[in-house]
Amino acid sequence: MTDTTQFDGRTIPVSPIAVSSFPAVVEHACYLIFPVPVGEQLLSTRLTLGDLADTHALPEAGNKATAAARWLAAEALTTISDERRPRPVWEPGSLEPGDDLYPHVQRLLGGEKSGVPEVLPTAQSVPSQKSHTSVWRLSESGRKLVQGQRLAYPPETPKEDRLPRRLCIRLSKSARTRIAARVPGFDADVLGVAILDMHLIALRTGHAFVVAEMEVAAPGGDGLDPYLIVEALHALSRINETTWRSAEGGSLDQVPVFDLGAIVRGLTGQSGGAKRADRVFSATYVQFAEAPDPAALDRLLTQLARHYTDDYDIRDDLPGTKTVSHFRNVQHRFALEGCVTAVDLEGLGPEAVPIFLKNYRQVTYRRHYLPIVLLAYHELCFLLHATNDSSFWPEPGDEARNLQRMQAIRERVTGFTLCFRFSYVSRIGMHNDVNRALREVLGLDWMLAELDRDSAQIDAYLSQAAARKAAEHARRQDRRFRWASVIGIFGLSWLTTFTIAKEILELRPVHDWLHLSQDLAPLAATAIGLVIAVVAAAVTAMTGRHPHGLAEHAQHETVIHAAHQ
């Protein structure tokens, strides 16, 4: 007999997975990776609390974009006083990649704390000796704001009243129905979440990301059902409505309704409010006190990686996913939409849990697996943009622009392959298997092969263009040299012939034989010289037009030179 539960005045069946139930979730974290547009100036890293306050102070009437950009809780907004306005939203930070990763991988995402540069690292910027990435972290004031806290309280406020607002996802009716079938007794209209931290990562390829570290709040402070994480990820990774509630979860008057992207856009200085809902890549970590049912865990991992709810009837042989598991109690699953790592502490009492499992989230996952995920996702974004940029039709009438665009693409691809390509990421086999699984599900290797073929076509086009340019230049040079040769041959032939003919004609025997007067000898020599000079010049001009001349030789040499580069 199927168990049922009451929801919204209706009797609905309880999911069989809920009947078997999952063990308690000991620890979890969701890392959402938001691509952000990059300009030359670091608008976001120079953002101040005053800038945030000014954005929220813009007139709202008739401006939906401005209304959608408002996300700060009213109580927190009022605490941005004139004294606090200059405080920065971001501060230099680091992802602190683990020492098990190879040094070159650490440099790619290490970041620096030496200060905030004035411009983002780009393909044209001077590379750092330590890192090809700039990393910032939300300042303490910034973290308080995204966590719904006031920056300060009046001194007379009792400590028990100094409670932050709670960030909540507004659940649709279908989402509430799904949760009620999985979590009997759940009847809330919101699901609490918390932004623990945020990092802004700008790489020299021109791509930047905001990584939001989040947790899902357990309703009523009880144990967290992992399906609530599924619903939270499904909402936060695409279309969502979030708002502020009281610390106890009660409704508040005049609170903004916004999506998580509005927070990211506000913190990165992007203008405007509501944007098209792009899917967000996620990396999720969940740890159980005991081993879950294998079939239920398999479905949960797929849901967390693919952002599927119970509305999706998932196949057992679902393609597009990859699982890596070296240990019975640690599983990694990867998909194009996201990835998840699940750990259980089956058979381990509180005192028997190994130190690496106690610190798995903060040390192993955050400092090792998350950097590997970020590098793979960065490569996906780069390859998508690079293949898109290389897909265009060269305009016949705009050769200079065609060449400039192709040259820029080739330089970007060359820089990426020299800097961000690696075969192994770590001294640990599991880390390398994770990297290979990510590359497979994201399709990085075949995309790179496609881009290599595009680059070969671009190289061939650039070589042909360079050859045509060199040939045209050679032809112009050939024409100049040929006419110079013709004139030179004409003058030299005339002078030589005139001199010889004059000397011969002035000889007594020749003079008497031809019956030339003394005055006609020079004229006869001049005429003979002109005839010979014209013939020599004509022969020189004609022989300079053979098909294997200087132009073709120059073109051949240009192609050979390009092939060896």
Protein backbone atom coordinates (compact mmCIF):
# COMPACT_ATOMS: atom_id res chain seq x y z
CA MET A 1 0.00 0.00 0.00
CA THR A 2 1.36 3.39 -0.94
CA ASP A 3 1.81 5.87 1.89
CA THR A 4 0.14 9.26 1.52
CA THR A 5 0.48 12.70 3.04
CA GLN A 6 -1.65 15.82 3.17
CA PHE A 7 -0.60 18.91 1.21
CA ASP A 8 -2.60 22.02 0.36
CA GLY A 9 -5.82 20.28 1.29
CA ARG A 10 -5.04 17.33 -0.96
CA THR A 11 -3.86 13.76 -0.36
CA ILE A 12 -0.74 13.01 -2.34
CA PRO A 13 1.36 9.82 -2.49
CA VAL A 14 4.65 9.79 -0.66
CA SER A 15 7.67 9.00 -2.80
CA PRO A 16 9.07 5.48 -2.21
CA ILE A 17 12.47 7.10 -1.83
CA ALA A 18 11.10 9.15 1.06
CA VAL A 19 9.77 5.99 2.72
CA SER A 20 13.22 4.40 2.66
CA SER A 21 14.61 7.77 3.79
CA PHE A 22 18.16 9.03 3.59
CA PRO A 23 20.45 9.16 6.59
CA ALA A 24 21.11 12.53 8.13
CA VAL A 25 23.11 15.02 6.08
CA VAL A 26 26.12 15.85 8.23
CA GLU A 27 27.56 18.57 6.01
CA HIS A 28 26.96 20.02 2.58
CA ALA A 29 27.82 22.94 0.31
CA CYS A 30 26.72 24.11 -3.13
CA TYR A 31 29.19 26.07 -5.24
CA LEU A 32 27.44 27.97 -8.03
CA ILE A 33 29.70 29.29 -10.79
CA PHE A 34 28.38 32.42 -12.54
CA PRO A 35 30.18 33.64 -15.68
CA VAL A 36 30.41 37.43 -15.61
CA PRO A 37 31.23 39.79 -18.50
CA VAL A 38 34.70 41.26 -18.37
CA GLY A 39 35.62 44.77 -19.43
CA GLU A 40 39.06 46.26 -19.33
CA GLN A 41 38.41 48.16 -16.12
CA LEU A 42 37.79 46.36 -12.87
CA LEU A 43 34.49 48.02 -12.10
CA SER A 44 33.48 45.29 -9.70
CA THR A 45 36.67 45.21 -7.65
CA ARG A 46 36.51 48.96 -7.11
CA LEU A 47 32.88 48.80 -6.08
CA THR A 48 32.11 50.36 -2.69
CA LEU A 49 29.23 50.07 -0.28
CA GLY A 50 28.21 53.54 -1.43
CA ASP A 51 27.84 52.26 -5.00
CA LEU A 52 25.47 49.53 -3.78
CA ALA A 53 23.46 52.06 -1.81
CA ASP A 54 23.25 54.40 -4.83
CA THR A 55 21.94 51.57 -7.04
CA HIS A 56 19.13 50.92 -4.57
CA ALA A 57 18.38 54.66 -4.32
CA LEU A 58 17.50 55.02 -8.03
CA PRO A 59 13.82 55.84 -8.71
CA GLU A 60 11.80 52.67 -9.19
CA ALA A 61 8.62 54.00 -10.70
CA GLY A 62 8.04 52.57 -14.17
CA ASN A 63 11.48 50.93 -14.25
CA LYS A 64 11.28 47.15 -13.91
CA ALA A 65 15.02 46.75 -14.45
CA THR A 66 15.78 49.04 -11.53
CA ALA A 67 13.27 47.24 -9.34
CA ALA A 68 14.79 43.87 -10.22
CA ALA A 69 18.25 45.12 -9.29
CA ARG A 70 17.22 45.80 -5.71
CA TRP A 71 18.25 42.92 -3.48
CA LEU A 72 19.58 44.45 -0.25
CA ALA A 73 17.49 44.00 2.84
CA ALA A 74 16.09 47.37 3.94
CA GLU A 75 17.57 47.11 7.44
CA ALA A 76 21.03 46.40 6.02
CA LEU A 77 20.73 49.23 3.50
CA THR A 78 20.04 51.80 6.21
CA THR A 79 23.30 50.92 7.97
CA ILE A 80 25.45 52.03 4.99
CA SER A 81 26.25 55.37 6.55
CA ASP A 82 28.41 58.12 5.05
CA GLU A 83 31.30 56.78 7.08
CA ARG A 84 30.90 53.29 5.66
CA ARG A 85 30.25 54.28 2.02
CA PRO A 86 33.96 54.17 0.96
CA ARG A 87 34.39 50.60 2.21
CA PRO A 88 35.19 48.16 -0.62
CA VAL A 89 32.86 45.34 -1.57
CA TRP A 90 35.76 43.13 -2.72
CA GLU A 91 39.22 42.55 -1.34
CA PRO A 92 42.21 40.66 -2.75
CA GLY A 93 41.94 36.96 -2.00
CA SER A 94 43.06 33.50 -3.03
CA LEU A 95 41.49 30.12 -3.70
CA GLU A 96 44.44 28.50 -1.92
CA PRO A 97 44.74 25.41 -4.17
CA GLY A 98 46.00 22.34 -2.32
CA ASP A 99 49.62 21.30 -2.37
CA ASP A 100 48.77 17.95 -3.98
CA LEU A 101 48.00 19.78 -7.21
CA TYR A 102 50.97 20.26 -9.49
CA PRO A 103 52.63 23.71 -9.23
CA HIS A 104 51.60 24.80 -12.72
CA VAL A 105 47.95 24.03 -11.86
CA GLN A 106 48.27 25.95 -8.60
CA ARG A 107 49.63 28.94 -10.52
CA LEU A 108 46.67 28.88 -12.90
CA LEU A 109 44.22 29.48 -10.06
CA GLY A 110 46.41 30.56 -7.18
CA GLY A 111 45.68 34.27 -7.34
CA GLU A 112 47.63 36.83 -5.36
CA LYS A 113 47.00 38.93 -2.29
CA SER A 114 49.53 41.60 -3.19
CA GLY A 115 46.89 44.13 -4.23
CA VAL A 116 44.18 44.89 -6.73
CA PRO A 117 45.45 45.62 -10.26
CA GLU A 118 43.79 48.36 -12.27
CA VAL A 119 42.85 46.14 -15.17
CA LEU A 120 41.77 42.57 -15.49
CA PRO A 121 44.38 40.09 -16.74
CA THR A 122 43.91 39.64 -20.48
CA ALA A 123 45.74 37.95 -23.31
CA GLN A 124 47.63 41.21 -23.89
CA SER A 125 48.54 41.89 -20.25
CA VAL A 126 51.91 41.18 -18.72
CA PRO A 127 51.71 37.78 -16.98
CA SER A 128 52.36 37.45 -13.30
CA GLN A 129 55.30 35.32 -12.30
CA LYS A 130 53.09 33.57 -9.74
CA SER A 131 49.67 33.28 -11.33
CA HIS A 132 47.66 33.77 -14.50
CA THR A 133 44.60 34.60 -12.41
CA SER A 134 43.40 37.42 -10.19
CA VAL A 135 41.17 36.44 -7.28
CA TRP A 136 39.03 38.60 -5.00
CA ARG A 137 36.86 37.71 -2.05
CA LEU A 138 33.85 39.54 -0.68
CA SER A 139 34.96 41.88 2.06
CA GLU A 140 33.62 41.42 5.56
CA SER A 141 31.04 44.13 4.92
CA GLY A 142 30.06 42.48 1.63
CA ARG A 143 29.60 39.11 3.31
CA LYS A 144 27.38 40.67 5.96
CA LEU A 145 25.15 42.21 3.32
CA VAL A 146 24.63 38.99 1.33
CA GLN A 147 23.90 37.19 4.60
CA GLY A 148 21.18 39.64 5.50
CA GLN A 149 23.05 41.22 8.38
CA ARG A 150 23.20 44.84 9.42
CA LEU A 151 26.61 46.44 9.31
CA ALA A 152 25.96 47.82 12.79
CA TYR A 153 23.25 47.91 15.46
CA PRO A 154 22.34 50.72 17.81
CA PRO A 155 24.15 50.17 21.12
CA GLU A 156 20.88 49.75 23.00
CA THR A 157 19.76 46.80 20.80
CA PRO A 158 19.69 43.60 22.91
CA LYS A 159 21.93 40.81 21.70
CA GLU A 160 19.01 38.44 21.21
CA ASP A 161 17.44 40.94 18.79
CA ARG A 162 20.51 41.20 16.60
CA LEU A 163 19.34 38.54 14.19
CA PRO A 164 20.04 38.59 10.45
CA ARG A 165 17.43 38.27 7.75
CA ARG A 166 17.18 34.90 6.07
CA LEU A 167 17.58 34.56 2.30
CA CYS A 168 14.79 32.32 1.00
CA ILE A 169 13.76 30.77 -2.32
CA ARG A 170 10.09 31.29 -3.05
CA LEU A 171 8.72 27.87 -3.94
CA SER A 172 6.23 27.37 -6.73
CA LYS A 173 3.20 25.20 -6.09
CA SER A 174 4.68 22.34 -8.12
CA ALA A 175 7.93 22.54 -6.13
CA ARG A 176 5.99 22.43 -2.85
CA THR A 177 4.08 19.40 -4.09
CA ARG A 178 7.29 17.59 -5.01
CA ILE A 179 8.90 18.38 -1.65
CA ALA A 180 5.80 17.29 0.28
CA ALA A 181 5.91 13.91 -1.49
CA ARG A 182 9.54 13.50 -0.45
CA VAL A 183 9.52 15.21 2.93
CA PRO A 184 6.19 14.48 4.65
CA GLY A 185 5.13 17.36 6.84
CA PHE A 186 6.86 20.05 4.81
CA ASP A 187 4.35 22.86 4.26
CA ALA A 188 6.50 26.01 3.92
CA ASP A 189 6.22 28.33 0.94
CA VAL A 190 9.94 29.15 0.97
CA LEU A 191 13.20 27.28 1.30
CA GLY A 192 15.95 28.96 3.27
CA VAL A 193 19.46 29.26 1.81
CA ALA A 194 22.59 31.05 2.91
CA ILE A 195 25.47 32.60 0.98
CA LEU A 196 28.54 31.68 3.00
CA ASP A 197 31.11 33.34 0.76
CA MET A 198 31.80 34.63 -2.73
CA HIS A 199 34.95 34.80 -4.84
CA LEU A 200 35.50 36.71 -8.08
CA ILE A 201 38.02 34.96 -10.34
CA ALA A 202 39.39 36.69 -13.45
CA LEU A 203 41.65 34.71 -15.77
CA ARG A 204 43.96 36.16 -18.38
CA THR A 205 41.96 34.53 -21.18
CA GLY A 206 39.41 37.29 -20.61
CA HIS A 207 36.90 35.10 -18.75
CA ALA A 208 35.74 35.77 -15.20
CA PHE A 209 33.52 33.92 -12.76
CA VAL A 210 31.80 34.50 -9.44
CA VAL A 211 31.80 31.42 -7.24
CA ALA A 212 29.03 31.55 -4.63
CA GLU A 213 29.39 29.08 -1.75
CA MET A 214 25.90 28.31 -0.43
CA GLU A 215 24.06 26.10 2.03
CA VAL A 216 20.44 25.03 2.25
CA ALA A 217 18.79 25.59 5.62
CA ALA A 218 17.05 22.69 7.33
CA PRO A 219 13.38 23.56 8.02
CA GLY A 220 12.82 24.08 11.73
CA GLY A 221 16.43 23.31 12.46
CA ASP A 222 15.82 19.57 12.01
CA GLY A 223 17.94 17.24 9.92
CA LEU A 224 18.26 18.30 6.28
CA ASP A 225 16.66 16.02 3.72
CA PRO A 226 18.96 15.85 0.66
CA TYR A 227 16.02 16.35 -1.69
CA LEU A 228 15.76 19.92 -0.45
CA ILE A 229 19.24 20.44 -1.88
CA VAL A 230 17.93 19.07 -5.20
CA GLU A 231 15.08 21.58 -5.27
CA ALA A 232 17.35 24.45 -4.22
CA LEU A 233 19.86 23.65 -6.98
CA HIS A 234 17.10 23.28 -9.55
CA ALA A 235 15.86 26.77 -8.70
CA LEU A 236 19.14 28.57 -8.13
CA SER A 237 20.79 27.20 -11.27
CA ARG A 238 18.16 28.66 -13.59
CA ILE A 239 14.94 30.53 -12.79
CA ASN A 240 14.34 31.53 -9.20
CA GLU A 241 12.69 34.11 -7.01
CA THR A 242 14.39 34.89 -3.74
CA THR A 243 13.48 37.26 -0.96
CA TRP A 244 14.30 38.08 2.64
CA ARG A 245 12.44 36.63 5.60
CA SER A 246 12.85 37.07 9.32
CA ALA A 247 15.32 34.88 11.17
CA GLU A 248 12.40 32.64 12.15
CA GLY A 249 11.17 32.48 8.55
CA GLY A 250 8.25 34.88 8.95
CA SER A 251 7.14 37.22 6.18
CA LEU A 252 8.30 40.83 6.15
CA ASP A 253 6.68 43.95 4.78
CA GLN A 254 8.13 45.76 1.76
CA VAL A 255 10.92 43.32 1.02
CA PRO A 256 12.40 43.05 -2.49
CA VAL A 257 11.84 40.00 -4.68
CA PHE A 258 14.82 39.18 -6.88
CA ASP A 259 16.83 36.30 -8.27
CA LEU A 260 20.27 35.17 -7.21
CA GLY A 261 21.70 36.59 -10.42
CA ALA A 262 20.67 40.08 -9.27
CA ILE A 263 23.03 39.75 -6.31
CA VAL A 264 25.87 38.65 -8.59
CA ARG A 265 25.19 41.45 -11.07
CA GLY A 266 24.98 44.01 -8.30
CA LEU A 267 28.23 42.89 -6.73
CA THR A 268 30.07 42.90 -10.07
CA GLY A 269 28.94 46.37 -11.14
CA GLN A 270 26.77 45.23 -14.03
CA SER A 271 24.16 47.73 -15.10
CA GLY A 272 20.53 46.89 -15.42
CA GLY A 273 18.35 44.51 -13.50
CA ALA A 274 16.58 41.43 -14.80
CA LYS A 275 18.56 39.42 -17.31
CA ARG A 276 17.90 36.30 -19.34
CA ALA A 277 18.08 33.29 -17.03
CA ASP A 278 21.22 31.43 -18.06
CA ARG A 279 21.89 28.04 -16.59
CA VAL A 280 24.53 28.04 -13.87
CA PHE A 281 27.12 25.30 -13.44
CA SER A 282 27.22 23.83 -9.94
CA ALA A 283 29.57 21.77 -7.80
CA THR A 284 27.88 20.16 -4.79
CA TYR A 285 29.29 18.38 -1.77
CA VAL A 286 27.15 16.30 0.57
CA GLN A 287 28.20 14.12 3.50
CA PHE A 288 25.98 11.53 5.21
CA ALA A 289 26.25 10.05 8.68
CA GLU A 290 25.57 6.58 7.23
CA ALA A 291 25.60 4.95 3.82
CA PRO A 292 22.40 5.69 1.87
CA ASP A 293 20.51 3.07 -0.10
CA PRO A 294 22.61 2.52 -3.29
CA ALA A 295 19.69 2.97 -5.71
CA ALA A 296 18.43 6.07 -3.92
CA LEU A 297 21.95 7.52 -3.78
CA ASP A 298 22.47 6.86 -7.49
CA ARG A 299 19.31 8.79 -8.33
CA LEU A 300 20.23 11.60 -5.92
CA LEU A 301 23.68 12.01 -7.47
CA THR A 302 22.17 12.27 -10.94
CA GLN A 303 19.60 14.80 -9.76
CA LEU A 304 22.24 16.96 -8.09
CA ALA A 305 24.59 16.80 -11.09
CA ARG A 306 21.92 17.32 -13.78
CA HIS A 307 19.62 19.64 -11.76
CA TYR A 308 16.69 17.23 -12.23
CA THR A 309 13.69 17.20 -9.88
CA ASP A 310 11.27 14.31 -9.33
CA ASP A 311 9.26 15.60 -12.31
CA TYR A 312 11.91 13.95 -14.52
CA ASP A 313 11.55 10.23 -15.11
CA ILE A 314 15.25 9.44 -15.20
CA ARG A 315 16.53 6.44 -17.16
CA ASP A 316 18.73 3.90 -15.41
CA ASP A 317 21.22 4.04 -18.27
CA LEU A 318 21.23 7.83 -18.50
CA PRO A 319 23.90 9.00 -20.96
CA GLY A 320 26.05 12.08 -20.46
CA THR A 321 27.18 11.30 -16.91
CA LYS A 322 30.41 9.93 -15.54
CA THR A 323 31.10 8.43 -12.11
CA VAL A 324 34.49 8.24 -10.41
CA SER A 325 34.80 6.21 -7.22
CA HIS A 326 37.98 4.79 -5.74
CA PHE A 327 36.44 4.18 -2.31
CA ARG A 328 33.16 2.65 -1.14
CA ASN A 329 32.19 5.76 0.79
CA VAL A 330 33.24 8.49 -1.69
CA GLN A 331 31.54 8.97 -5.05
CA HIS A 332 31.94 11.70 -7.66
CA ARG A 333 29.44 12.19 -10.47
CA PHE A 334 29.87 14.60 -13.38
CA ALA A 335 27.58 15.99 -16.05
CA LEU A 336 27.43 18.97 -18.40
CA GLU A 337 25.17 20.84 -15.96
CA GLY A 338 27.22 20.26 -12.81
CA CYS A 339 28.94 17.77 -10.55
CA VAL A 340 28.48 16.30 -7.09
CA THR A 341 30.58 14.50 -4.51
CA ALA A 342 28.96 12.32 -1.83
CA VAL A 343 30.72 10.96 1.24
CA ASP A 344 29.29 8.73 3.95
CA LEU A 345 30.65 7.89 7.39
CA GLU A 346 29.17 4.39 7.55
CA GLY A 347 30.45 2.43 10.53
CA LEU A 348 32.52 5.32 11.86
CA GLY A 349 31.73 6.68 15.29
CA PRO A 350 32.41 10.33 16.16
CA GLU A 351 35.82 9.42 17.53
CA ALA A 352 36.74 7.07 14.69
CA VAL A 353 36.21 9.44 11.75
CA PRO A 354 39.59 9.94 9.99
CA ILE A 355 40.87 13.49 9.98
CA PHE A 356 40.73 13.74 6.20
CA LEU A 357 37.00 12.91 6.25
CA LYS A 358 36.38 15.45 8.99
CA ASN A 359 38.09 18.11 6.88
CA TYR A 360 37.00 16.75 3.49
CA ARG A 361 34.85 19.73 2.54
CA GLN A 362 37.26 22.51 3.51
CA VAL A 363 40.56 20.83 2.62
CA THR A 364 40.06 18.04 0.10
CA TYR A 365 37.01 19.27 -1.81
CA ARG A 366 37.40 23.03 -1.67
CA ARG A 367 41.17 23.18 -2.18
CA HIS A 368 41.59 20.30 -4.63
CA TYR A 369 38.41 19.26 -6.43
CA LEU A 370 36.88 22.72 -6.77
CA PRO A 371 40.00 24.15 -8.53
CA ILE A 372 39.94 21.20 -10.94
CA VAL A 373 36.24 21.87 -11.64
CA LEU A 374 36.91 25.59 -12.16
CA LEU A 375 39.71 24.96 -14.65
CA ALA A 376 37.58 22.50 -16.63
CA TYR A 377 34.59 24.86 -16.68
CA HIS A 378 36.85 27.76 -17.68
CA GLU A 379 38.17 25.68 -20.58
CA LEU A 380 34.59 24.91 -21.65
CA CYS A 381 33.69 28.61 -21.67
CA PHE A 382 36.87 29.51 -23.54
CA LEU A 383 36.34 26.82 -26.19
CA LEU A 384 32.68 27.79 -26.66
CA HIS A 385 33.65 31.42 -27.24
CA ALA A 386 36.67 30.53 -29.39
CA THR A 387 34.72 28.18 -31.67
CA ASN A 388 31.96 30.77 -31.94
CA ASP A 389 34.48 33.49 -32.84
CA SER A 390 36.10 31.26 -35.46
CA SER A 391 32.73 30.65 -37.16
CA PHE A 392 32.34 33.56 -39.56
CA TRP A 393 32.29 34.20 -43.30
CA PRO A 394 35.31 36.17 -44.54
CA GLU A 395 34.11 39.23 -46.40
CA PRO A 396 35.80 39.43 -49.82
CA GLY A 397 35.84 43.22 -49.80
CA ASP A 398 37.32 43.60 -46.32
CA GLU A 399 40.53 41.59 -46.41
CA ALA A 400 42.25 43.68 -43.72
CA ARG A 401 39.46 43.08 -41.20
CA ASN A 402 39.34 39.37 -42.04
CA LEU A 403 43.06 39.02 -41.44
CA GLN A 404 42.91 41.02 -38.21
CA ARG A 405 40.12 38.88 -36.80
CA MET A 406 41.78 35.61 -37.79
CA GLN A 407 45.11 36.71 -36.38
CA ALA A 408 43.44 37.59 -33.06
CA ILE A 409 41.75 34.17 -32.91
CA ARG A 410 45.01 32.37 -33.64
CA GLU A 411 46.86 34.33 -30.97
CA ARG A 412 44.17 33.59 -28.37
CA VAL A 413 44.12 29.89 -29.15
CA THR A 414 47.91 29.69 -29.12
CA GLY A 415 48.11 31.50 -25.79
CA PHE A 416 45.50 29.21 -24.24
CA THR A 417 47.11 25.99 -25.45
CA LEU A 418 50.51 27.10 -24.19
CA CYS A 419 49.28 28.32 -20.80
CA PHE A 420 46.13 26.43 -19.78
CA ARG A 421 46.72 22.96 -21.20
CA PHE A 422 47.92 20.13 -18.97
CA SER A 423 47.75 16.33 -18.98
CA TYR A 424 47.92 15.72 -15.24
CA VAL A 425 46.63 17.98 -12.50
CA SER A 426 47.86 16.24 -9.38
CA ARG A 427 50.12 13.72 -7.75
CA ILE A 428 46.97 11.87 -6.62
CA GLY A 429 45.35 9.37 -8.99
CA MET A 430 41.79 10.25 -7.93
CA HIS A 431 42.34 13.91 -8.82
CA ASN A 432 43.53 12.97 -12.31
CA ASP A 433 40.59 10.60 -12.80
CA VAL A 434 38.24 13.42 -11.80
CA ASN A 435 39.89 15.71 -14.34
CA ARG A 436 39.55 13.11 -17.10
CA ALA A 437 35.88 12.52 -16.22
CA LEU A 438 35.18 16.25 -16.37
CA ARG A 439 36.89 16.55 -19.73
CA GLU A 440 34.79 13.69 -21.06
CA VAL A 441 31.36 14.92 -19.94
CA LEU A 442 32.12 18.53 -20.94
CA GLY A 443 33.40 17.38 -24.33
CA LEU A 444 36.61 19.37 -23.96
CA ASP A 445 38.88 17.11 -26.01
CA TRP A 446 36.63 16.88 -29.07
CA MET A 447 35.91 20.62 -28.87
CA LEU A 448 39.64 21.24 -28.74
CA ALA A 449 40.12 18.95 -31.74
CA GLU A 450 37.46 20.94 -33.63
CA LEU A 451 39.19 24.17 -32.67
CA ASP A 452 42.53 22.77 -33.83
CA ARG A 453 40.99 22.05 -37.23
CA ASP A 454 39.55 25.58 -37.32
CA SER A 455 42.98 26.92 -36.39
CA ALA A 456 44.54 24.92 -39.22
CA GLN A 457 42.06 26.47 -41.65
CA ILE A 458 42.86 29.91 -40.26
CA ASP A 459 46.60 29.23 -40.61
CA ALA A 460 46.08 28.14 -44.22
CA TYR A 461 44.03 31.26 -44.94
CA LEU A 462 46.60 33.52 -43.30
CA SER A 463 49.42 31.77 -45.17
CA GLN A 464 47.63 32.18 -48.49
CA ALA A 465 46.90 35.81 -47.72
CA ALA A 466 50.53 36.40 -46.78
CA ALA A 467 51.63 34.63 -49.97
CA ARG A 468 49.28 36.74 -52.09
CA LYS A 469 50.57 39.89 -50.44
CA ALA A 470 54.20 38.83 -50.91
CA ALA A 471 53.53 37.87 -54.53
CA GLU A 472 51.90 41.21 -55.28
CA HIS A 473 54.79 43.03 -53.66
CA ALA A 474 57.22 40.89 -55.62
CA ARG A 475 55.42 41.64 -58.87
CA ARG A 476 55.65 45.36 -58.21
CA GLN A 477 59.32 44.97 -57.44
CA ASP A 478 59.75 42.80 -60.52
CA ARG A 479 58.20 45.47 -62.74
CA ARG A 480 60.42 48.18 -61.27
CA PHE A 481 63.53 46.06 -61.62
CA ARG A 482 62.63 44.97 -65.17
CA TRP A 483 62.20 48.53 -66.45
CA ALA A 484 65.37 49.57 -64.69
CA SER A 485 67.13 46.64 -66.38
CA VAL A 486 65.67 47.56 -69.78
CA ILE A 487 66.86 51.15 -69.47
CA GLY A 488 70.24 50.03 -68.19
CA ILE A 489 70.68 47.50 -71.00
CA PHE A 490 69.58 50.05 -73.56
CA GLY A 491 72.10 52.64 -72.35
CA LEU A 492 74.95 50.19 -71.92
CA SER A 493 74.31 48.52 -75.30
CA TRP A 494 74.13 51.85 -77.11
CA LEU A 495 77.28 53.19 -75.48
CA THR A 496 79.24 50.01 -76.12
CA THR A 497 78.02 49.61 -79.69
CA PHE A 498 78.54 53.30 -80.46
CA THR A 499 82.10 53.23 -79.16
CA ILE A 500 83.06 50.08 -81.06
CA ALA A 501 81.28 51.12 -84.26
CA LYS A 502 82.85 54.59 -84.21
CA GLU A 503 86.34 53.18 -83.78
CA ILE A 504 85.82 50.70 -86.62
CA LEU A 505 84.32 53.26 -88.99
CA GLU A 506 87.23 55.62 -88.44
CA LEU A 507 89.75 53.01 -89.58
CA ARG A 508 91.27 54.00 -92.96
CA PRO A 509 90.47 50.73 -94.79
CA VAL A 510 86.83 50.74 -93.60
CA HIS A 511 86.53 54.47 -94.24
CA ASP A 512 87.81 54.11 -97.80
CA TRP A 513 85.71 50.99 -98.46
CA LEU A 514 82.45 52.61 -97.33
CA HIS A 515 83.30 55.96 -98.86
CA LEU A 516 82.24 57.76 -95.66
CA SER A 517 83.12 61.31 -95.08
CA GLN A 518 84.78 62.30 -91.85
CA ASP A 519 81.51 63.83 -90.52
CA LEU A 520 79.24 60.82 -91.26
CA ALA A 521 81.20 58.22 -89.22
CA PRO A 522 79.86 59.37 -85.82
CA LEU A 523 76.30 59.50 -87.18
CA ALA A 524 76.58 55.98 -88.58
CA ALA A 525 77.99 54.72 -85.26
CA THR A 526 75.10 56.37 -83.41
CA ALA A 527 72.54 54.69 -85.69
CA ILE A 528 74.15 51.28 -85.32
CA GLY A 529 74.28 51.72 -81.52
CA LEU A 530 70.59 52.66 -81.38
CA VAL A 531 69.56 49.59 -83.39
CA ILE A 532 71.61 47.24 -81.22
CA ALA A 533 70.41 48.96 -77.99
CA VAL A 534 66.74 48.69 -78.99
CA VAL A 535 67.14 44.99 -79.84
CA ALA A 536 68.95 44.31 -76.54
CA ALA A 537 66.33 46.22 -74.52
CA ALA A 538 63.48 44.39 -76.26
CA VAL A 539 65.08 41.02 -75.60
CA THR A 540 65.58 41.95 -71.93
CA ALA A 541 61.95 43.08 -71.54
CA MET A 542 60.61 39.93 -73.18
CA THR A 543 62.74 37.47 -71.22
CA GLY A 544 61.69 39.13 -67.88
CA ARG A 545 58.05 37.93 -68.33
CA HIS A 546 58.54 34.18 -67.95
CA PRO A 547 56.02 32.44 -65.62
CA HIS A 548 58.55 31.36 -63.03
CA GLY A 549 59.74 34.83 -62.19
CA LEU A 550 60.45 36.69 -59.01
CA ALA A 551 56.80 36.91 -57.88
CA GLU A 552 56.18 33.17 -57.98
CA HIS A 553 59.49 32.50 -56.28
CA ALA A 554 58.60 34.93 -53.49
CA GLN A 555 55.17 33.31 -53.03
CA HIS A 556 56.74 29.85 -52.84
CA GLU A 557 59.27 31.01 -50.27
CA THR A 558 56.52 32.64 -48.16
CA VAL A 559 54.44 29.45 -48.02
CA ILE A 560 57.50 27.35 -47.11
CA HIS A 561 58.44 29.84 -44.39
CA ALA A 562 54.90 29.80 -42.93
CA ALA A 563 54.83 26.00 -42.91
CA HIS A 564 57.99 25.84 -40.83
CA GLN A 565 56.78 28.37 -38.25
